[in-house]
Amino acid sequence: MFQIRVHGRGGQGVVTATEMLSVAAFAEGRHAQAFPSFGSERTGAPVVAFCRIDDKEIRLREPIMQPDALIIQDPTLLHQVDVFAGFKPDGYVLLNTRHSFAELGLGDILKQHRSERFCTLHATELGLKHVGRPIPNVPLLAGFAALSGLIKLESVIKAINEKFSGKVAEGNIAAATEAYTQVLNQMKEHVHA
């Protein structure tokens, strides 16, 4: 079973992200489960949502304490919430930022993990560029697909088309496609570095 924890703030589409991730997994014939964990639900408050993906039925219902992957939608949470709590040593991290992990003071965390599985993506910028709103969730889903290889970009696009229509769907597909390409390119650069 592969377990993903998404950290963000209210209004950033954290819950929608995990729902769409589960839809993308279903599109590939897998079992998936997505659910949020709310404290205070006001806009801007820290929010966590979870997604599990497996080839067999998922019976677990509790929050994910030892994630295989972290998607961090808001870098300001790094100094407010222990987003790395329980994170597995060989896990994946996708962080919405234009800064490097070292610039954010996360060099020590990189040393303790497989740094090639850590990636940054300025997803907010892609949301603004393609959808006209600073919502990072869809670009981060596509970036996660590229980073982990767990789901295909086509499945993310299918989930986008199930959730949105018209120009909003088109914009999100463009943002997702660009995000996917950016993450693949970043991974290639890491291999050659």
N, C-alpha and C. Protein backbone atom coordinates (compact mmCIF):
# COMPACT_ATOMS: atom_id res chain seq x y z
N MET A 1 0.84 -1.18 0.00
CA MET A 1 0.00 0.00 0.00
C MET A 1 0.89 1.24 0.00
N PHE A 2 0.51 2.22 -0.81
CA PHE A 2 1.26 3.48 -0.89
C PHE A 2 0.41 4.56 -0.23
N GLN A 3 1.01 5.29 0.72
CA GLN A 3 0.27 6.27 1.50
C GLN A 3 0.83 7.68 1.29
N ILE A 4 -0.07 8.61 0.98
CA ILE A 4 0.30 9.99 0.67
C ILE A 4 -0.37 10.93 1.67
N ARG A 5 0.42 11.85 2.21
CA ARG A 5 -0.13 12.88 3.10
C ARG A 5 0.08 14.22 2.43
N VAL A 6 -1.01 15.00 2.35
CA VAL A 6 -0.96 16.31 1.72
C VAL A 6 -1.17 17.38 2.78
N HIS A 7 -0.20 18.28 2.87
CA HIS A 7 -0.27 19.40 3.82
C HIS A 7 -0.51 20.68 3.05
N GLY A 8 -1.43 21.49 3.54
CA GLY A 8 -1.69 22.77 2.92
C GLY A 8 -2.46 23.66 3.86
N ARG A 9 -3.09 24.66 3.29
CA ARG A 9 -3.91 25.57 4.08
C ARG A 9 -5.32 25.58 3.50
N GLY A 10 -6.29 25.87 4.36
CA GLY A 10 -7.67 25.96 3.92
C GLY A 10 -7.79 26.90 2.73
N GLY A 11 -8.46 26.46 1.68
CA GLY A 11 -8.64 27.27 0.49
C GLY A 11 -7.66 26.93 -0.63
N GLN A 12 -6.69 26.05 -0.36
CA GLN A 12 -5.70 25.68 -1.39
C GLN A 12 -6.08 24.40 -2.15
N GLY A 13 -7.22 23.83 -1.84
CA GLY A 13 -7.65 22.63 -2.56
C GLY A 13 -6.99 21.35 -2.09
N VAL A 14 -6.62 21.28 -0.83
CA VAL A 14 -5.96 20.09 -0.28
C VAL A 14 -6.87 18.87 -0.38
N VAL A 15 -8.11 19.02 0.04
CA VAL A 15 -9.05 17.90 0.02
C VAL A 15 -9.35 17.48 -1.42
N THR A 16 -9.55 18.46 -2.29
CA THR A 16 -9.79 18.18 -3.71
C THR A 16 -8.60 17.42 -4.30
N ALA A 17 -7.39 17.79 -3.90
CA ALA A 17 -6.19 17.11 -4.41
C ALA A 17 -6.22 15.62 -4.10
N THR A 18 -6.51 15.26 -2.86
CA THR A 18 -6.52 13.83 -2.50
C THR A 18 -7.67 13.10 -3.19
N GLU A 19 -8.81 13.77 -3.33
CA GLU A 19 -9.94 13.15 -4.03
C GLU A 19 -9.57 12.87 -5.49
N MET A 20 -8.93 13.85 -6.13
CA MET A 20 -8.54 13.67 -7.53
C MET A 20 -7.46 12.61 -7.68
N LEU A 21 -6.56 12.53 -6.70
CA LEU A 21 -5.53 11.49 -6.72
C LEU A 21 -6.17 10.11 -6.65
N SER A 22 -7.19 9.96 -5.81
CA SER A 22 -7.87 8.67 -5.71
C SER A 22 -8.63 8.35 -7.01
N VAL A 23 -9.22 9.35 -7.63
CA VAL A 23 -9.92 9.15 -8.91
C VAL A 23 -8.92 8.70 -9.99
N ALA A 24 -7.73 9.32 -10.00
CA ALA A 24 -6.69 8.93 -10.96
C ALA A 24 -6.27 7.48 -10.74
N ALA A 25 -6.14 7.07 -9.48
CA ALA A 25 -5.78 5.67 -9.17
C ALA A 25 -6.89 4.71 -9.61
N PHE A 26 -8.15 5.09 -9.35
CA PHE A 26 -9.29 4.26 -9.79
C PHE A 26 -9.27 4.10 -11.31
N ALA A 27 -8.90 5.16 -12.01
CA ALA A 27 -8.86 5.12 -13.48
C ALA A 27 -7.86 4.08 -13.97
N GLU A 28 -6.90 3.75 -13.13
CA GLU A 28 -5.90 2.74 -13.49
C GLU A 28 -6.25 1.36 -12.91
N GLY A 29 -7.48 1.23 -12.39
CA GLY A 29 -7.94 -0.05 -11.89
C GLY A 29 -7.42 -0.40 -10.50
N ARG A 30 -6.96 0.59 -9.76
CA ARG A 30 -6.44 0.35 -8.42
C ARG A 30 -7.50 0.73 -7.39
N HIS A 31 -7.25 0.34 -6.16
CA HIS A 31 -8.11 0.74 -5.05
C HIS A 31 -7.51 2.00 -4.45
N ALA A 32 -8.37 2.91 -4.02
CA ALA A 32 -7.87 4.16 -3.44
C ALA A 32 -8.87 4.68 -2.41
N GLN A 33 -8.33 5.48 -1.53
CA GLN A 33 -9.14 6.05 -0.45
C GLN A 33 -8.58 7.45 -0.19
N ALA A 34 -9.46 8.43 -0.08
CA ALA A 34 -9.03 9.81 0.22
C ALA A 34 -9.92 10.36 1.32
N PHE A 35 -9.29 11.04 2.29
CA PHE A 35 -10.09 11.64 3.36
C PHE A 35 -9.30 12.77 4.02
N PRO A 36 -10.01 13.79 4.49
CA PRO A 36 -9.35 14.94 5.13
C PRO A 36 -9.25 14.76 6.64
N SER A 37 -8.43 15.61 7.23
CA SER A 37 -8.36 15.71 8.69
C SER A 37 -8.44 17.19 9.01
N PHE A 38 -9.53 17.60 9.61
CA PHE A 38 -9.73 19.03 9.87
C PHE A 38 -9.53 19.36 11.32
N GLY A 39 -8.93 20.53 11.55
CA GLY A 39 -8.92 21.14 12.88
C GLY A 39 -9.93 22.27 12.73
N SER A 40 -9.41 23.47 12.54
CA SER A 40 -10.31 24.59 12.25
C SER A 40 -10.32 24.72 10.73
N GLU A 41 -11.50 24.80 10.15
CA GLU A 41 -11.61 24.74 8.70
C GLU A 41 -11.58 26.09 8.01
N ARG A 42 -11.19 27.13 8.72
CA ARG A 42 -11.22 28.45 8.09
C ARG A 42 -10.11 28.58 7.05
N THR A 43 -10.32 29.45 6.11
CA THR A 43 -9.34 29.71 5.07
C THR A 43 -8.02 30.12 5.71
N GLY A 44 -6.95 29.52 5.25
CA GLY A 44 -5.62 29.84 5.75
C GLY A 44 -5.14 28.95 6.89
N ALA A 45 -6.04 28.22 7.53
CA ALA A 45 -5.65 27.34 8.62
C ALA A 45 -4.96 26.09 8.05
N PRO A 46 -3.99 25.52 8.78
CA PRO A 46 -3.36 24.28 8.31
C PRO A 46 -4.39 23.16 8.13
N VAL A 47 -4.28 22.45 7.01
CA VAL A 47 -5.18 21.35 6.69
C VAL A 47 -4.31 20.17 6.25
N VAL A 48 -4.72 18.97 6.62
CA VAL A 48 -4.04 17.75 6.18
C VAL A 48 -5.09 16.85 5.55
N ALA A 49 -4.72 16.22 4.44
CA ALA A 49 -5.61 15.23 3.82
C ALA A 49 -4.74 14.02 3.45
N PHE A 50 -5.39 12.89 3.32
CA PHE A 50 -4.69 11.63 3.13
C PHE A 50 -5.22 10.89 1.91
N CYS A 51 -4.32 10.11 1.28
CA CYS A 51 -4.73 9.24 0.18
C CYS A 51 -3.94 7.95 0.28
N ARG A 52 -4.64 6.83 0.16
CA ARG A 52 -4.01 5.52 0.11
C ARG A 52 -4.32 4.90 -1.24
N ILE A 53 -3.31 4.23 -1.81
CA ILE A 53 -3.49 3.56 -3.10
C ILE A 53 -2.92 2.15 -2.96
N ASP A 54 -3.68 1.17 -3.44
CA ASP A 54 -3.24 -0.22 -3.34
C ASP A 54 -3.84 -1.03 -4.48
N ASP A 55 -3.30 -2.21 -4.70
CA ASP A 55 -3.86 -3.10 -5.72
C ASP A 55 -4.97 -3.97 -5.16
N LYS A 56 -5.15 -3.93 -3.86
CA LYS A 56 -6.25 -4.69 -3.24
C LYS A 56 -7.08 -3.76 -2.35
N GLU A 57 -8.19 -4.26 -1.88
CA GLU A 57 -9.10 -3.45 -1.07
C GLU A 57 -8.39 -2.87 0.15
N ILE A 58 -8.71 -1.62 0.47
CA ILE A 58 -8.10 -0.92 1.60
C ILE A 58 -9.10 -0.91 2.76
N ARG A 59 -8.67 -1.47 3.86
CA ARG A 59 -9.56 -1.53 5.03
C ARG A 59 -9.19 -0.51 6.11
N LEU A 60 -7.97 0.00 6.07
CA LEU A 60 -7.54 1.00 7.06
C LEU A 60 -8.39 2.26 6.95
N ARG A 61 -8.62 2.90 8.07
CA ARG A 61 -9.39 4.14 8.06
C ARG A 61 -8.71 5.26 8.86
N GLU A 62 -7.64 4.94 9.55
CA GLU A 62 -7.02 5.96 10.40
C GLU A 62 -6.11 6.89 9.60
N PRO A 63 -5.77 8.04 10.17
CA PRO A 63 -4.87 8.99 9.50
C PRO A 63 -3.53 8.32 9.19
N ILE A 64 -2.84 8.84 8.20
CA ILE A 64 -1.56 8.30 7.78
C ILE A 64 -0.46 8.90 8.65
N MET A 65 0.17 8.04 9.45
CA MET A 65 1.21 8.49 10.36
C MET A 65 2.61 8.27 9.79
N GLN A 66 2.75 7.33 8.83
CA GLN A 66 4.05 7.04 8.22
C GLN A 66 3.91 7.09 6.70
N PRO A 67 3.86 8.30 6.14
CA PRO A 67 3.61 8.43 4.71
C PRO A 67 4.78 7.98 3.84
N ASP A 68 4.44 7.43 2.68
CA ASP A 68 5.42 7.11 1.64
C ASP A 68 5.73 8.36 0.82
N ALA A 69 4.81 9.32 0.85
CA ALA A 69 4.99 10.55 0.09
C ALA A 69 4.34 11.71 0.82
N LEU A 70 4.97 12.87 0.68
CA LEU A 70 4.43 14.12 1.21
C LEU A 70 4.27 15.09 0.05
N ILE A 71 3.11 15.71 -0.01
CA ILE A 71 2.90 16.82 -0.94
C ILE A 71 2.63 18.02 -0.05
N ILE A 72 3.50 19.01 -0.12
CA ILE A 72 3.40 20.18 0.74
C ILE A 72 3.01 21.37 -0.12
N GLN A 73 1.75 21.80 0.02
CA GLN A 73 1.20 22.84 -0.84
C GLN A 73 1.58 24.25 -0.40
N ASP A 74 2.05 24.40 0.83
CA ASP A 74 2.38 25.74 1.33
C ASP A 74 3.68 25.67 2.13
N PRO A 75 4.78 26.26 1.62
CA PRO A 75 6.06 26.16 2.31
C PRO A 75 6.09 26.85 3.68
N THR A 76 5.15 27.76 3.95
CA THR A 76 5.13 28.41 5.26
C THR A 76 4.79 27.40 6.37
N LEU A 77 4.22 26.27 6.00
CA LEU A 77 3.89 25.23 6.99
C LEU A 77 5.15 24.55 7.54
N LEU A 78 6.25 24.63 6.80
CA LEU A 78 7.49 23.96 7.22
C LEU A 78 7.94 24.39 8.60
N HIS A 79 7.64 25.62 8.96
CA HIS A 79 8.08 26.15 10.25
C HIS A 79 6.93 26.27 11.25
N GLN A 80 5.77 25.72 10.88
CA GLN A 80 4.59 25.80 11.73
C GLN A 80 4.06 24.43 12.14
N VAL A 81 4.25 23.44 11.27
CA VAL A 81 3.73 22.09 11.47
C VAL A 81 4.87 21.11 11.20
N ASP A 82 4.94 20.00 11.93
CA ASP A 82 5.97 18.99 11.65
C ASP A 82 5.51 18.13 10.49
N VAL A 83 5.67 18.67 9.27
CA VAL A 83 5.19 17.96 8.08
C VAL A 83 5.96 16.66 7.85
N PHE A 84 7.18 16.55 8.37
CA PHE A 84 7.99 15.36 8.16
C PHE A 84 7.78 14.28 9.22
N ALA A 85 6.84 14.48 10.14
CA ALA A 85 6.57 13.49 11.20
C ALA A 85 6.25 12.13 10.59
N GLY A 86 7.01 11.11 11.00
CA GLY A 86 6.75 9.74 10.55
C GLY A 86 7.14 9.45 9.12
N PHE A 87 7.72 10.42 8.42
CA PHE A 87 8.07 10.26 7.01
C PHE A 87 9.10 9.16 6.81
N LYS A 88 8.85 8.27 5.85
CA LYS A 88 9.73 7.13 5.61
C LYS A 88 11.04 7.58 4.94
N PRO A 89 12.17 6.94 5.28
CA PRO A 89 13.48 7.35 4.75
C PRO A 89 13.57 7.30 3.22
N ASP A 90 12.81 6.40 2.58
CA ASP A 90 12.88 6.30 1.12
C ASP A 90 11.67 6.94 0.44
N GLY A 91 11.00 7.84 1.16
CA GLY A 91 9.79 8.46 0.64
C GLY A 91 10.04 9.59 -0.35
N TYR A 92 8.94 10.06 -0.92
CA TYR A 92 8.95 11.14 -1.91
C TYR A 92 8.42 12.42 -1.27
N VAL A 93 9.02 13.56 -1.66
CA VAL A 93 8.53 14.86 -1.20
C VAL A 93 8.40 15.78 -2.40
N LEU A 94 7.23 16.37 -2.53
CA LEU A 94 7.01 17.41 -3.54
C LEU A 94 6.56 18.65 -2.81
N LEU A 95 7.32 19.72 -2.97
CA LEU A 95 7.10 20.96 -2.24
C LEU A 95 6.80 22.10 -3.20
N ASN A 96 5.71 22.81 -2.94
CA ASN A 96 5.31 23.95 -3.75
C ASN A 96 6.13 25.18 -3.34
N THR A 97 7.18 25.44 -4.11
CA THR A 97 8.03 26.60 -3.84
C THR A 97 8.94 26.86 -5.04
N ARG A 98 9.44 28.08 -5.12
CA ARG A 98 10.45 28.39 -6.14
C ARG A 98 11.85 28.27 -5.54
N HIS A 99 11.94 28.03 -4.23
CA HIS A 99 13.23 27.94 -3.53
C HIS A 99 13.72 26.49 -3.46
N SER A 100 15.00 26.32 -3.25
CA SER A 100 15.55 24.97 -3.09
C SER A 100 15.33 24.52 -1.64
N PHE A 101 15.48 23.22 -1.41
CA PHE A 101 15.35 22.69 -0.05
C PHE A 101 16.41 23.31 0.86
N ALA A 102 17.63 23.51 0.32
CA ALA A 102 18.70 24.12 1.11
C ALA A 102 18.35 25.56 1.49
N GLU A 103 17.79 26.32 0.54
CA GLU A 103 17.40 27.71 0.82
C GLU A 103 16.33 27.78 1.91
N LEU A 104 15.53 26.73 2.02
CA LEU A 104 14.46 26.69 3.02
C LEU A 104 14.94 26.12 4.35
N GLY A 105 16.23 25.82 4.45
CA GLY A 105 16.79 25.29 5.70
C GLY A 105 16.52 23.80 5.90
N LEU A 106 16.32 23.08 4.80
CA LEU A 106 15.99 21.65 4.90
C LEU A 106 17.13 20.74 4.46
N GLY A 107 18.35 21.28 4.44
CA GLY A 107 19.51 20.49 4.02
C GLY A 107 19.71 19.23 4.84
N ASP A 108 19.48 19.33 6.17
CA ASP A 108 19.66 18.16 7.03
C ASP A 108 18.66 17.05 6.72
N ILE A 109 17.44 17.43 6.40
CA ILE A 109 16.42 16.43 6.05
C ILE A 109 16.81 15.72 4.76
N LEU A 110 17.34 16.47 3.81
CA LEU A 110 17.80 15.87 2.54
C LEU A 110 18.87 14.81 2.79
N LYS A 111 19.79 15.09 3.71
CA LYS A 111 20.89 14.15 4.00
C LYS A 111 20.38 12.84 4.59
N GLN A 112 19.23 12.87 5.26
CA GLN A 112 18.69 11.68 5.91
C GLN A 112 17.81 10.84 4.98
N HIS A 113 17.57 11.34 3.77
CA HIS A 113 16.66 10.66 2.85
C HIS A 113 17.29 10.55 1.47
N ARG A 114 16.57 9.95 0.56
CA ARG A 114 17.02 9.83 -0.84
C ARG A 114 16.71 11.14 -1.54
N SER A 115 17.72 12.00 -1.66
CA SER A 115 17.51 13.36 -2.16
C SER A 115 16.93 13.38 -3.58
N GLU A 116 17.16 12.32 -4.36
CA GLU A 116 16.60 12.29 -5.72
C GLU A 116 15.07 12.16 -5.71
N ARG A 117 14.52 11.85 -4.54
CA ARG A 117 13.06 11.74 -4.42
C ARG A 117 12.44 13.01 -3.83
N PHE A 118 13.26 14.06 -3.70
CA PHE A 118 12.78 15.36 -3.22
C PHE A 118 12.74 16.31 -4.40
N CYS A 119 11.62 16.99 -4.56
CA CYS A 119 11.47 17.85 -5.72
C CYS A 119 10.67 19.10 -5.34
N THR A 120 11.01 20.21 -5.96
CA THR A 120 10.23 21.43 -5.78
C THR A 120 9.54 21.77 -7.09
N LEU A 121 8.40 22.43 -6.97
CA LEU A 121 7.62 22.85 -8.13
C LEU A 121 6.88 24.11 -7.73
N HIS A 122 7.02 25.16 -8.53
CA HIS A 122 6.28 26.38 -8.19
C HIS A 122 4.87 26.26 -8.75
N ALA A 123 4.07 25.44 -8.07
CA ALA A 123 2.73 25.08 -8.52
C ALA A 123 1.75 26.26 -8.45
N THR A 124 1.94 27.15 -7.49
CA THR A 124 1.05 28.32 -7.38
C THR A 124 1.15 29.16 -8.65
N GLU A 125 2.38 29.33 -9.12
CA GLU A 125 2.62 30.10 -10.35
C GLU A 125 1.93 29.43 -11.55
N LEU A 126 1.99 28.10 -11.62
CA LEU A 126 1.35 27.37 -12.73
C LEU A 126 -0.17 27.51 -12.65
N GLY A 127 -0.73 27.49 -11.44
CA GLY A 127 -2.17 27.70 -11.27
C GLY A 127 -2.58 29.09 -11.77
N LEU A 128 -1.80 30.10 -11.39
CA LEU A 128 -2.08 31.47 -11.84
C LEU A 128 -1.98 31.58 -13.35
N LYS A 129 -0.92 31.02 -13.90
CA LYS A 129 -0.65 31.12 -15.34
C LYS A 129 -1.75 30.47 -16.19
N HIS A 130 -2.19 29.28 -15.78
CA HIS A 130 -3.10 28.51 -16.64
C HIS A 130 -4.57 28.60 -16.24
N VAL A 131 -4.86 28.84 -14.96
CA VAL A 131 -6.25 28.84 -14.49
C VAL A 131 -6.68 30.23 -14.02
N GLY A 132 -5.68 31.09 -13.77
CA GLY A 132 -6.00 32.44 -13.32
C GLY A 132 -6.23 32.54 -11.82
N ARG A 133 -5.93 31.45 -11.10
CA ARG A 133 -6.08 31.43 -9.63
C ARG A 133 -4.84 30.80 -9.01
N PRO A 134 -4.41 31.30 -7.85
CA PRO A 134 -3.19 30.77 -7.22
C PRO A 134 -3.42 29.47 -6.43
N ILE A 135 -4.06 28.50 -7.08
CA ILE A 135 -4.36 27.22 -6.43
C ILE A 135 -3.36 26.17 -6.94
N PRO A 136 -2.53 25.62 -6.04
CA PRO A 136 -1.44 24.74 -6.47
C PRO A 136 -1.80 23.26 -6.61
N ASN A 137 -3.01 22.85 -6.23
CA ASN A 137 -3.28 21.42 -6.07
C ASN A 137 -3.13 20.59 -7.35
N VAL A 138 -3.70 21.04 -8.47
CA VAL A 138 -3.66 20.22 -9.69
C VAL A 138 -2.23 20.11 -10.24
N PRO A 139 -1.48 21.22 -10.34
CA PRO A 139 -0.09 21.06 -10.78
C PRO A 139 0.71 20.12 -9.87
N LEU A 140 0.46 20.17 -8.57
CA LEU A 140 1.18 19.28 -7.64
C LEU A 140 0.81 17.82 -7.87
N LEU A 141 -0.45 17.54 -8.22
CA LEU A 141 -0.84 16.14 -8.51
C LEU A 141 -0.06 15.61 -9.70
N ALA A 142 0.03 16.41 -10.75
CA ALA A 142 0.77 15.98 -11.94
C ALA A 142 2.26 15.87 -11.64
N GLY A 143 2.78 16.81 -10.84
CA GLY A 143 4.18 16.73 -10.43
C GLY A 143 4.45 15.47 -9.64
N PHE A 144 3.51 15.13 -8.76
CA PHE A 144 3.63 13.90 -7.97
C PHE A 144 3.62 12.67 -8.88
N ALA A 145 2.78 12.68 -9.90
CA ALA A 145 2.74 11.56 -10.85
C ALA A 145 4.10 11.39 -11.51
N ALA A 146 4.73 12.50 -11.90
CA ALA A 146 6.05 12.44 -12.54
C ALA A 146 7.12 11.96 -11.56
N LEU A 147 7.09 12.49 -10.34
CA LEU A 147 8.11 12.18 -9.34
C LEU A 147 8.05 10.73 -8.90
N SER A 148 6.86 10.23 -8.63
CA SER A 148 6.71 8.90 -8.04
C SER A 148 6.54 7.79 -9.06
N GLY A 149 5.99 8.11 -10.22
CA GLY A 149 5.67 7.08 -11.21
C GLY A 149 4.50 6.21 -10.78
N LEU A 150 3.82 6.62 -9.72
CA LEU A 150 2.72 5.83 -9.15
C LEU A 150 1.48 5.85 -10.04
N ILE A 151 1.22 6.99 -10.64
CA ILE A 151 0.08 7.13 -11.56
C ILE A 151 0.56 7.83 -12.82
N LYS A 152 -0.22 7.71 -13.88
CA LYS A 152 0.14 8.31 -15.17
C LYS A 152 -0.49 9.70 -15.30
N LEU A 153 0.15 10.54 -16.09
CA LEU A 153 -0.39 11.87 -16.38
C LEU A 153 -1.80 11.75 -16.99
N GLU A 154 -2.01 10.74 -17.85
CA GLU A 154 -3.32 10.54 -18.48
C GLU A 154 -4.40 10.33 -17.42
N SER A 155 -4.06 9.65 -16.35
CA SER A 155 -5.03 9.39 -15.27
C SER A 155 -5.34 10.68 -14.51
N VAL A 156 -4.32 11.53 -14.33
CA VAL A 156 -4.54 12.83 -13.69
C VAL A 156 -5.47 13.67 -14.57
N ILE A 157 -5.24 13.64 -15.87
CA ILE A 157 -6.09 14.40 -16.81
C ILE A 157 -7.53 13.88 -16.76
N LYS A 158 -7.68 12.56 -16.67
CA LYS A 158 -9.03 11.97 -16.55
C LYS A 158 -9.72 12.49 -15.28
N ALA A 159 -8.98 12.55 -14.17
CA ALA A 159 -9.53 13.06 -12.91
C ALA A 159 -9.90 14.54 -13.03
N ILE A 160 -9.08 15.31 -13.75
CA ILE A 160 -9.38 16.73 -13.98
C ILE A 160 -10.70 16.86 -14.74
N ASN A 161 -10.85 16.06 -15.80
CA ASN A 161 -12.07 16.12 -16.61
C ASN A 161 -13.31 15.67 -15.85
N GLU A 162 -13.13 14.80 -14.84
CA GLU A 162 -14.28 14.40 -14.01
C GLU A 162 -14.67 15.50 -13.03
N LYS A 163 -13.69 16.31 -12.61
CA LYS A 163 -13.92 17.34 -11.58
C LYS A 163 -14.34 18.68 -12.19
N PHE A 164 -13.75 19.02 -13.34
CA PHE A 164 -13.97 20.34 -13.95
C PHE A 164 -14.45 20.18 -15.38
N SER A 165 -14.92 21.31 -15.93
CA SER A 165 -15.32 21.29 -17.34
C SER A 165 -14.92 22.61 -18.00
N GLY A 166 -15.04 22.65 -19.31
CA GLY A 166 -14.79 23.88 -20.07
C GLY A 166 -13.40 24.45 -19.89
N LYS A 167 -13.33 25.76 -19.79
CA LYS A 167 -12.05 26.47 -19.69
C LYS A 167 -11.28 26.11 -18.42
N VAL A 168 -12.00 25.84 -17.33
CA VAL A 168 -11.32 25.48 -16.07
C VAL A 168 -10.60 24.14 -16.25
N ALA A 169 -11.27 23.18 -16.89
CA ALA A 169 -10.63 21.88 -17.15
C ALA A 169 -9.43 22.06 -18.08
N GLU A 170 -9.61 22.84 -19.15
CA GLU A 170 -8.51 23.07 -20.11
C GLU A 170 -7.31 23.70 -19.41
N GLY A 171 -7.55 24.71 -18.58
CA GLY A 171 -6.47 25.39 -17.87
C GLY A 171 -5.76 24.45 -16.92
N ASN A 172 -6.53 23.63 -16.20
CA ASN A 172 -5.93 22.68 -15.27
C ASN A 172 -5.12 21.60 -16.00
N ILE A 173 -5.60 21.18 -17.15
CA ILE A 173 -4.84 20.19 -17.94
C ILE A 173 -3.53 20.80 -18.41
N ALA A 174 -3.57 22.06 -18.85
CA ALA A 174 -2.33 22.74 -19.28
C ALA A 174 -1.37 22.89 -18.11
N ALA A 175 -1.89 23.27 -16.92
CA ALA A 175 -1.04 23.41 -15.73
C ALA A 175 -0.45 22.06 -15.33
N ALA A 176 -1.26 21.02 -15.38
CA ALA A 176 -0.81 19.67 -15.01
C ALA A 176 0.27 19.18 -15.97
N THR A 177 0.06 19.41 -17.26
CA THR A 177 1.03 18.96 -18.27
C THR A 177 2.36 19.67 -18.10
N GLU A 178 2.33 20.98 -17.86
CA GLU A 178 3.57 21.73 -17.66
C GLU A 178 4.26 21.28 -16.37
N ALA A 179 3.50 21.06 -15.31
CA ALA A 179 4.07 20.61 -14.04
C ALA A 179 4.74 19.25 -14.21
N TYR A 180 4.08 18.34 -14.89
CA TYR A 180 4.62 17.00 -15.13
C TYR A 180 5.97 17.09 -15.84
N THR A 181 6.02 17.91 -16.88
CA THR A 181 7.25 18.09 -17.66
C THR A 181 8.36 18.72 -16.80
N GLN A 182 8.01 19.74 -16.02
CA GLN A 182 9.01 20.40 -15.17
C GLN A 182 9.62 19.42 -14.17
N VAL A 183 8.80 18.59 -13.55
CA VAL A 183 9.32 17.64 -12.57
C VAL A 183 10.19 16.58 -13.26
N LEU A 184 9.76 16.07 -14.41
CA LEU A 184 10.59 15.10 -15.14
C LEU A 184 11.95 15.71 -15.48
N ASN A 185 11.96 16.96 -15.93
CA ASN A 185 13.21 17.64 -16.27
C ASN A 185 14.10 17.81 -15.04
N GLN A 186 13.49 18.16 -13.91
CA GLN A 186 14.25 18.33 -12.67
C GLN A 186 14.89 16.99 -12.25
N MET A 187 14.15 15.90 -12.43
CA MET A 187 14.67 14.58 -12.08
C MET A 187 15.84 14.19 -12.98
N LYS A 188 15.76 14.54 -14.28
CA LYS A 188 16.85 14.26 -15.21
C LYS A 188 18.09 15.03 -14.82
N GLU A 189 17.91 16.30 -14.45
CA GLU A 189 19.04 17.14 -14.02
C GLU A 189 19.69 16.54 -12.78
N HIS A 190 18.90 16.01 -11.86
CA HIS A 190 19.42 15.41 -10.63
C HIS A 190 20.30 14.20 -10.95
N VAL A 191 19.87 13.40 -11.93
CA VAL A 191 20.61 12.21 -12.32
C VAL A 191 21.97 12.60 -12.90
N HIS A 192 22.00 13.69 -13.67
CA HIS A 192 23.24 14.13 -14.31
C HIS A 192 24.12 14.98 -13.42
N ALA A 193 23.62 15.37 -12.27
CA ALA A 193 24.39 16.26 -11.38
C ALA A 193 25.49 15.51 -10.64
